C-alpha atoms as a PDB file:
ATOM      1  CA  UNK A   1    -114.559  -2.033  29.590  1.00  0.00           C
ATOM      2  CA  UNK A   2    -114.411   1.592  30.982  1.00  0.00           C
ATOM      3  CA  UNK A   3    -117.430   3.101  32.487  1.00  0.00           C
ATOM      4  CA  UNK A   4    -118.109   6.602  33.706  1.00  0.00           C
ATOM      5  CA  UNK A   5    -120.410   7.372  36.503  1.00  0.00           C
ATOM      6  CA  UNK A   6    -122.157  10.917  37.017  1.00  0.00           C
ATOM      7  CA  UNK A   7    -123.896  11.123  40.319  1.00  0.00           C
ATOM      8  CA  UNK A   8    -125.395  13.879  42.856  1.00  0.00           C
ATOM      9  CA  UNK A   9    -126.469  13.118  46.236  1.00  0.00           C
ATOM     10  CA  UNK A  10    -129.316  15.204  48.051  1.00  0.00           C
ATOM     11  CA  UNK A  11    -130.395  17.131  50.053  1.00  0.00           C
ATOM     12  CA  UNK A  12    -128.378  19.830  48.899  1.00  0.00           C
ATOM     13  CA  UNK A  13    -126.901  22.526  51.127  1.00  0.00           C
ATOM     14  CA  UNK A  14    -124.965  25.406  49.276  1.00  0.00           C
ATOM     15  CA  UNK A  15    -123.514  26.844  52.809  1.00  0.00           C
ATOM     16  CA  UNK A  16    -121.931  23.624  53.879  1.00  0.00           C
ATOM     17  CA  UNK A  17    -121.036  20.206  52.345  1.00  0.00           C
ATOM     18  CA  UNK A  18    -123.292  17.741  54.032  1.00  0.00           C
ATOM     19  CA  UNK A  19    -122.040  14.615  55.627  1.00  0.00           C
ATOM     20  CA  UNK A  20    -123.346  12.244  52.501  1.00  0.00           C
ATOM     21  CA  UNK A  21    -121.570  14.542  50.058  1.00  0.00           C
ATOM     22  CA  UNK A  22    -118.540  14.419  52.016  1.00  0.00           C
ATOM     23  CA  UNK A  23    -118.545  10.702  52.128  1.00  0.00           C
ATOM     24  CA  UNK A  24    -119.376  10.392  48.502  1.00  0.00           C
ATOM     25  CA  UNK A  25    -116.348  12.311  47.768  1.00  0.00           C
ATOM     26  CA  UNK A  26    -114.149  10.355  49.885  1.00  0.00           C
ATOM     27  CA  UNK A  27    -115.518   6.911  48.380  1.00  0.00           C
ATOM     28  CA  UNK A  28    -114.520   7.914  44.618  1.00  0.00           C
ATOM     29  CA  UNK A  29    -111.123   9.591  45.911  1.00  0.00           C
ATOM     30  CA  UNK A  30    -110.109   6.398  47.626  1.00  0.00           C
ATOM     31  CA  UNK A  31    -111.346   4.096  44.700  1.00  0.00           C
ATOM     32  CA  UNK A  32    -108.887   2.982  42.094  1.00  0.00           C
ATOM     33  CA  UNK A  33    -110.242   5.108  39.371  1.00  0.00           C
ATOM     34  CA  UNK A  34    -108.727   6.949  36.615  1.00  0.00           C
ATOM     35  CA  UNK A  35    -110.488  10.322  36.618  1.00  0.00           C
ATOM     36  CA  UNK A  36    -112.534  11.826  39.257  1.00  0.00           C
ATOM     37  CA  UNK A  37    -114.160  15.236  39.212  1.00  0.00           C
ATOM     38  CA  UNK A  38    -115.937  16.433  42.191  1.00  0.00           C
ATOM     39  CA  UNK A  39    -118.194  19.573  42.054  1.00  0.00           C
ATOM     40  CA  UNK A  40    -120.895  21.163  44.103  1.00  0.00           C
ATOM     41  CA  UNK A  41    -123.661  19.944  41.761  1.00  0.00           C
ATOM     42  CA  UNK A  42    -122.735  17.015  40.125  1.00  0.00           C
ATOM     43  CA  UNK A  43    -119.555  14.610  40.131  1.00  0.00           C
ATOM     44  CA  UNK A  44    -117.894  12.284  37.911  1.00  0.00           C
ATOM     45  CA  UNK A  45    -115.573   9.267  37.954  1.00  0.00           C
ATOM     46  CA  UNK A  46    -114.186   7.071  35.111  1.00  0.00           C
ATOM     47  CA  UNK A  47    -112.275   3.760  35.188  1.00  0.00           C
ATOM     48  CA  UNK A  48    -112.526   0.183  34.735  1.00  0.00           C
ATOM     49  CA  UNK A  49    -115.631  -1.525  34.922  1.00  0.00           C
ATOM     50  CA  UNK A  50    -114.918  -3.495  38.141  1.00  0.00           C
ATOM     51  CA  UNK A  51    -113.496  -0.472  39.907  1.00  0.00           C
ATOM     52  CA  UNK A  52    -116.493   1.749  38.896  1.00  0.00           C
ATOM     53  CA  UNK A  53    -119.220  -0.723  40.155  1.00  0.00           C
ATOM     54  CA  UNK A  54    -117.436  -1.274  43.340  1.00  0.00           C
ATOM     55  CA  UNK A  55    -117.116   2.384  43.790  1.00  0.00           C
ATOM     56  CA  UNK A  56    -120.785   2.980  42.995  1.00  0.00           C
ATOM     57  CA  UNK A  57    -121.845   0.087  45.674  1.00  0.00           C
ATOM     58  CA  UNK A  58    -119.940   1.739  48.304  1.00  0.00           C
ATOM     59  CA  UNK A  59    -121.093   5.353  47.084  1.00  0.00           C
ATOM     60  CA  UNK A  60    -124.677   4.217  47.462  1.00  0.00           C
ATOM     61  CA  UNK A  61    -124.141   2.287  50.674  1.00  0.00           C
ATOM     62  CA  UNK A  62    -122.213   5.214  52.639  1.00  0.00           C
ATOM     63  CA  UNK A  63    -123.997   8.013  51.284  1.00  0.00           C
ATOM     64  CA  UNK A  64    -127.420   6.653  52.379  1.00  0.00           C
ATOM     65  CA  UNK A  65    -125.874   5.735  55.605  1.00  0.00           C
ATOM     66  CA  UNK A  66    -124.501   9.295  56.037  1.00  0.00           C
ATOM     67  CA  UNK A  67    -127.958  10.697  55.399  1.00  0.00           C
ATOM     68  CA  UNK A  68    -128.569  11.120  51.726  1.00  0.00           C
ATOM     69  CA  UNK A  69    -132.440  10.920  50.923  1.00  0.00           C
ATOM     70  CA  UNK A  70    -131.842  10.814  47.103  1.00  0.00           C
ATOM     71  CA  UNK A  71    -128.985   9.645  44.986  1.00  0.00           C
ATOM     72  CA  UNK A  72    -129.155  10.207  41.403  1.00  0.00           C
ATOM     73  CA  UNK A  73    -126.746   8.432  39.136  1.00  0.00           C
ATOM     74  CA  UNK A  74    -125.804   7.383  35.319  1.00  0.00           C
ATOM     75  CA  UNK A  75    -123.433   4.929  34.410  1.00  0.00           C
ATOM     76  CA  UNK A  76    -122.043   5.096  30.602  1.00  0.00           C
ATOM     77  CA  UNK A  77    -119.908   2.709  28.774  1.00  0.00           C
ATOM     78  CA  UNK A  78    -116.863   4.812  27.462  1.00  0.00           C
ATOM     79  CA  UNK A  79    -113.900   4.262  25.086  1.00  0.00           C
ATOM     80  CA  UNK A  80    -113.992   0.746  23.535  1.00  0.00           C
ATOM     81  CA  UNK A  81    -117.319  -1.175  23.713  1.00  0.00           C
ATOM     82  CA  UNK A  82    -119.139   2.334  23.879  1.00  0.00           C
ATOM     83  CA  UNK A  83    -122.370   2.358  21.497  1.00  0.00           C
ATOM     84  CA  UNK A  84    -121.246   2.899  18.080  1.00  0.00           C
ATOM     85  CA  UNK A  85    -117.611   2.241  18.665  1.00  0.00           C
ATOM     86  CA  UNK A  86    -116.056  -0.029  15.837  1.00  0.00           C
ATOM     87  CA  UNK A  87    -119.043  -0.150  13.671  1.00  0.00           C
ATOM     88  CA  UNK A  88    -118.668   0.621  10.072  1.00  0.00           C
END
């Protein structure tokens, strides 16, 4: 199963990336994911379910430890197994 995670960490700082945002970026970039897109207002990563779930666990733990006060995330099944996939 393939998963896509979209996430943001807060509080925001438009002048300089806060430590929790830097840590989140490091976690997803170091994970064994197929696609990673990091931006100032939202981030996405995609890969196999084990890799995504492992990265999400590390992302939550490490970002909170680095000072995040809120982490918003959404996980979607993509590709085979996604809602409606293969239905006739």
